[in-house]
Amino acid sequence: MKRREFTQLSAASALAAGTAGGLLVQPALAQGGPIEGRQYQRLNTKVPGAAPGKIEVIEFFWYGCPHCYVFEPTIEAWAKQLPADVVYRKVHVAFRENVKIHQRLFFTLEAMGKEAQVRPAIFNAIHRGGQSLTDPKAMATFLAPLGVDSAKFQELYNSFTVQTKCQQAAKLQDSYNIDGVPTVAVGGRFLTSPAMAGFGLRVSEEELGQRAIAVANFLIEQARKG
């Protein structure tokens, strides 16, 4: 989803995403591998990241992005299988005001150690339940039955710690020139996405996600070569 293009998926696609499993069938890529400028981009300047000897993979996403919702089962299943030299994390973007609110939600939950646990419920509430989750009190009410302490949540939501995390994420987003989500950054040097990986193809959202994973695997190998 582009920074200024907030289109919606069909209900059928969203339902399929909600029930998709972790099967990673990687479609064949172009002969000779992904093509720079099509299936992936190379940054002009490397972005500092993981510790020496580690390859950092970042998924830039937004809770409210329907394409991120579809991609979520695929990338999370893949992330659980990554080798020891690959460090994976998610970073919530901040393209506009309602996205910034969700970004604050993300980092508040991360600070509480609850984000991964409740993320599926947040995605489902937004994309299948029609909830906006753009009010802190409404967020706390929604999260309480999921094991998130309401008072602690509201305290952290307005904290300096979370504000700093949001600022850092915004700077990282700019360093990678992120203008759409979901986008996967690899090794501080490469970017790919379902949209890029499916360049010129008319295939399902699910297959675009699988293709993005195949490209990400290729880029991890490129990062290993230095």
Protein backbone atom coordinates (compact mmCIF):
# COMPACT_ATOMS: atom_id res chain seq x y z
CA MET A 1 0.00 0.00 0.00
CA LYS A 2 1.49 3.30 -1.06
CA ARG A 3 1.86 6.21 1.32
CA ARG A 4 -1.05 8.03 -0.31
CA GLU A 5 -2.95 5.11 -1.76
CA PHE A 6 -5.18 3.54 0.86
CA THR A 7 -7.23 1.14 -1.26
CA GLN A 8 -9.23 -1.79 0.13
CA LEU A 9 -9.02 -5.49 -0.61
CA SER A 10 -12.12 -7.43 -1.52
CA ALA A 11 -13.87 -9.19 1.33
CA ALA A 12 -13.01 -12.53 -0.23
CA SER A 13 -9.29 -11.77 -0.24
CA ALA A 14 -9.37 -10.57 3.33
CA LEU A 15 -11.20 -13.72 4.47
CA ALA A 16 -8.66 -15.88 2.66
CA ALA A 17 -5.86 -14.04 4.46
CA GLY A 18 -7.49 -14.62 7.81
CA THR A 19 -7.58 -18.37 7.25
CA ALA A 20 -4.33 -18.84 5.34
CA GLY A 21 -1.79 -21.23 6.78
CA GLY A 22 1.97 -21.08 6.87
CA LEU A 23 2.65 -23.05 3.69
CA LEU A 24 5.39 -21.29 1.77
CA VAL A 25 5.20 -22.37 -1.83
CA GLN A 26 7.81 -20.24 -3.56
CA PRO A 27 6.94 -19.68 -7.22
CA ALA A 28 9.73 -19.78 -9.75
CA LEU A 29 11.43 -16.44 -10.25
CA ALA A 30 12.88 -15.03 -13.40
CA GLN A 31 15.65 -17.15 -14.88
CA GLY A 32 18.91 -16.09 -13.23
CA GLY A 33 17.17 -14.77 -10.14
CA PRO A 34 15.23 -11.62 -9.25
CA ILE A 35 16.02 -8.54 -11.29
CA GLU A 36 17.24 -5.37 -9.60
CA GLY A 37 14.88 -2.51 -10.33
CA ARG A 38 11.96 -4.89 -10.77
CA GLN A 39 11.67 -7.55 -8.07
CA TYR A 40 13.87 -5.60 -5.66
CA GLN A 41 15.68 -2.31 -5.17
CA ARG A 42 19.19 -1.58 -3.94
CA LEU A 43 19.68 1.41 -1.66
CA ASN A 44 22.32 3.96 -2.58
CA THR A 45 23.57 4.06 1.01
CA LYS A 46 23.58 1.13 3.43
CA VAL A 47 21.45 1.66 6.53
CA PRO A 48 23.23 0.60 9.76
CA GLY A 49 21.44 -2.24 11.51
CA ALA A 50 22.18 -5.54 13.18
CA ALA A 51 25.35 -6.52 15.00
CA PRO A 52 28.37 -7.70 12.98
CA GLY A 53 27.83 -11.16 11.55
CA LYS A 54 24.04 -10.73 11.52
CA ILE A 55 21.71 -9.88 8.64
CA GLU A 56 18.79 -7.70 9.63
CA VAL A 57 15.42 -8.21 7.95
CA ILE A 58 12.73 -5.63 8.66
CA GLU A 59 9.10 -5.74 7.58
CA PHE A 60 7.67 -2.23 7.44
CA PHE A 61 3.92 -2.51 7.90
CA TRP A 62 0.71 -0.87 9.13
CA TYR A 63 -2.05 -2.54 11.13
CA GLY A 64 -4.66 -0.92 8.90
CA CYS A 65 -3.11 -1.97 5.58
CA PRO A 66 -5.15 -4.73 3.89
CA HIS A 67 -2.09 -5.92 1.98
CA CYS A 68 -0.14 -6.26 5.24
CA TYR A 69 -3.04 -8.29 6.60
CA VAL A 70 -2.84 -10.71 3.69
CA PHE A 71 0.97 -10.91 3.90
CA GLU A 72 1.05 -11.47 7.68
CA PRO A 73 0.57 -15.29 7.80
CA THR A 74 3.18 -15.83 5.09
CA ILE A 75 5.93 -13.65 6.49
CA GLU A 76 5.40 -14.78 10.08
CA ALA A 77 5.63 -18.46 9.12
CA TRP A 78 8.81 -17.69 7.17
CA ALA A 79 10.31 -15.68 10.04
CA LYS A 80 10.06 -18.69 12.35
CA GLN A 81 12.31 -20.67 9.98
CA LEU A 82 15.07 -18.10 9.47
CA PRO A 83 18.66 -19.20 10.15
CA ALA A 84 20.63 -18.03 13.18
CA ASP A 85 22.50 -15.29 11.32
CA VAL A 86 19.27 -13.50 10.33
CA VAL A 87 17.60 -11.07 12.75
CA TYR A 88 13.96 -10.30 11.92
CA ARG A 89 11.72 -7.57 13.27
CA LYS A 90 8.68 -5.53 12.35
CA VAL A 91 8.53 -1.74 12.25
CA HIS A 92 5.23 0.10 12.10
CA VAL A 93 5.21 3.06 9.70
CA ALA A 94 3.76 6.53 10.24
CA PHE A 95 2.50 7.86 6.91
CA ARG A 96 -0.37 9.99 8.22
CA GLU A 97 -2.20 10.76 11.47
CA ASN A 98 -4.34 7.62 11.83
CA VAL A 99 -1.31 5.51 10.90
CA LYS A 100 0.73 7.29 13.57
CA ILE A 101 -1.93 6.34 16.12
CA HIS A 102 -1.55 2.69 15.16
CA GLN A 103 2.22 3.09 15.32
CA ARG A 104 1.90 4.28 18.92
CA LEU A 105 -0.34 1.27 19.60
CA PHE A 106 2.35 -1.01 18.18
CA PHE A 107 5.19 0.38 20.28
CA THR A 108 3.08 0.52 23.43
CA LEU A 109 2.29 -3.17 23.08
CA GLU A 110 5.90 -3.95 22.20
CA ALA A 111 7.04 -2.18 25.39
CA MET A 112 4.61 -4.38 27.34
CA GLY A 113 5.86 -7.54 25.66
CA LYS A 114 2.38 -8.17 24.23
CA GLU A 115 2.56 -7.08 20.60
CA ALA A 116 3.16 -10.44 18.92
CA GLN A 117 0.55 -12.07 21.14
CA VAL A 118 -2.28 -9.67 20.28
CA ARG A 119 -1.34 -8.73 16.69
CA PRO A 120 -3.65 -11.33 15.07
CA ALA A 121 -6.59 -9.99 17.07
CA ILE A 122 -5.78 -6.41 16.06
CA PHE A 123 -5.56 -7.33 12.38
CA ASN A 124 -8.84 -9.24 12.57
CA ALA A 125 -10.61 -6.45 14.48
CA ILE A 126 -9.66 -3.90 11.84
CA HIS A 127 -10.04 -5.97 8.67
CA ARG A 128 -12.84 -8.32 9.61
CA GLY A 129 -14.55 -6.57 12.50
CA GLY A 130 -14.67 -3.06 11.06
CA GLN A 131 -13.04 -1.47 14.11
CA SER A 132 -10.79 1.53 13.60
CA LEU A 133 -8.86 1.27 16.91
CA THR A 134 -7.82 4.91 16.71
CA ASP A 135 -8.82 5.96 20.24
CA PRO A 136 -6.55 5.00 23.18
CA LYS A 137 -9.46 4.26 25.53
CA ALA A 138 -11.17 2.12 22.92
CA MET A 139 -7.86 0.33 22.36
CA ALA A 140 -7.49 -0.37 26.09
CA THR A 141 -11.06 -1.69 26.28
CA PHE A 142 -10.48 -3.95 23.27
CA LEU A 143 -7.15 -5.25 24.58
CA ALA A 144 -8.16 -5.92 28.19
CA PRO A 145 -9.81 -9.32 27.47
CA LEU A 146 -6.62 -10.29 25.62
CA GLY A 147 -4.52 -9.96 28.76
CA VAL A 148 -3.31 -6.36 28.34
CA ASP A 149 -3.50 -4.31 31.54
CA SER A 150 -5.60 -1.23 30.69
CA ALA A 151 -4.01 1.15 33.18
CA LYS A 152 -0.46 0.17 32.19
CA PHE A 153 -1.37 0.42 28.53
CA GLN A 154 -2.69 3.97 28.84
CA GLU A 155 0.31 4.99 30.94
CA LEU A 156 2.80 3.68 28.38
CA TYR A 157 0.80 4.95 25.40
CA ASN A 158 1.60 8.54 26.43
CA SER A 159 5.10 7.81 27.72
CA PHE A 160 8.40 9.33 26.63
CA THR A 161 9.66 5.80 25.89
CA VAL A 162 6.96 5.11 23.31
CA GLN A 163 7.27 8.59 21.83
CA THR A 164 11.00 8.00 21.35
CA LYS A 165 10.38 4.60 19.72
CA CYS A 166 7.96 6.23 17.28
CA GLN A 167 10.49 8.93 16.41
CA GLN A 168 13.19 6.32 15.82
CA ALA A 169 10.86 4.29 13.61
CA ALA A 170 9.98 7.37 11.55
CA LYS A 171 13.69 8.08 11.01
CA LEU A 172 14.31 4.47 10.00
CA GLN A 173 11.35 4.60 7.60
CA ASP A 174 12.89 7.69 5.99
CA SER A 175 16.38 6.14 5.87
CA TYR A 176 14.95 3.26 3.84
CA ASN A 177 12.81 5.61 1.70
CA ILE A 178 9.71 3.58 2.53
CA ASP A 179 6.72 4.86 0.55
CA GLY A 180 4.47 1.81 0.72
CA VAL A 181 3.71 -1.23 2.83
CA PRO A 182 4.30 -4.06 3.26
CA THR A 183 7.97 -3.63 2.38
CA VAL A 184 10.78 -5.97 3.41
CA ALA A 185 14.26 -4.54 3.96
CA VAL A 186 17.23 -6.91 3.92
CA GLY A 187 20.71 -6.30 5.22
CA GLY A 188 20.36 -2.52 5.23
CA ARG A 189 20.83 -2.55 1.46
CA PHE A 190 17.84 -4.11 -0.31
CA LEU A 191 14.10 -3.64 -0.49
CA THR A 192 11.40 -5.90 -1.85
CA SER A 193 7.65 -6.26 -1.42
CA PRO A 194 4.76 -8.36 -2.69
CA ALA A 195 4.07 -5.67 -5.28
CA MET A 196 7.69 -5.58 -6.49
CA ALA A 197 8.12 -9.36 -6.42
CA GLY A 198 5.06 -9.76 -8.64
CA PHE A 199 6.22 -7.17 -11.16
CA GLY A 200 4.11 -7.42 -14.30
CA LEU A 201 2.05 -10.38 -13.04
CA ARG A 202 -1.68 -10.71 -12.39
CA VAL A 203 -1.76 -13.18 -9.51
CA SER A 204 -3.44 -13.41 -6.11
CA GLU A 205 -2.30 -11.40 -3.08
CA GLU A 206 -1.24 -14.64 -1.43
CA GLU A 207 1.02 -15.59 -4.33
CA LEU A 208 2.51 -12.09 -4.38
CA GLY A 209 3.46 -12.63 -0.75
CA GLN A 210 5.06 -15.97 -1.51
CA ARG A 211 7.05 -14.39 -4.31
CA ALA A 212 8.23 -11.64 -1.95
CA ILE A 213 9.53 -14.30 0.43
CA ALA A 214 11.42 -15.98 -2.42
CA VAL A 215 13.03 -12.65 -3.31
CA ALA A 216 13.86 -11.99 0.36
CA ASN A 217 15.65 -15.36 0.53
CA PHE A 218 17.66 -14.38 -2.53
CA LEU A 219 18.54 -11.01 -0.96
CA ILE A 220 19.67 -12.67 2.28
CA GLU A 221 22.13 -14.70 0.20
CA GLN A 222 23.32 -11.50 -1.50
CA ALA A 223 23.80 -9.86 1.90
CA ARG A 224 25.89 -12.81 3.06
CA LYS A 225 28.28 -12.22 0.17
CA GLY A 226 28.97 -8.75 1.53
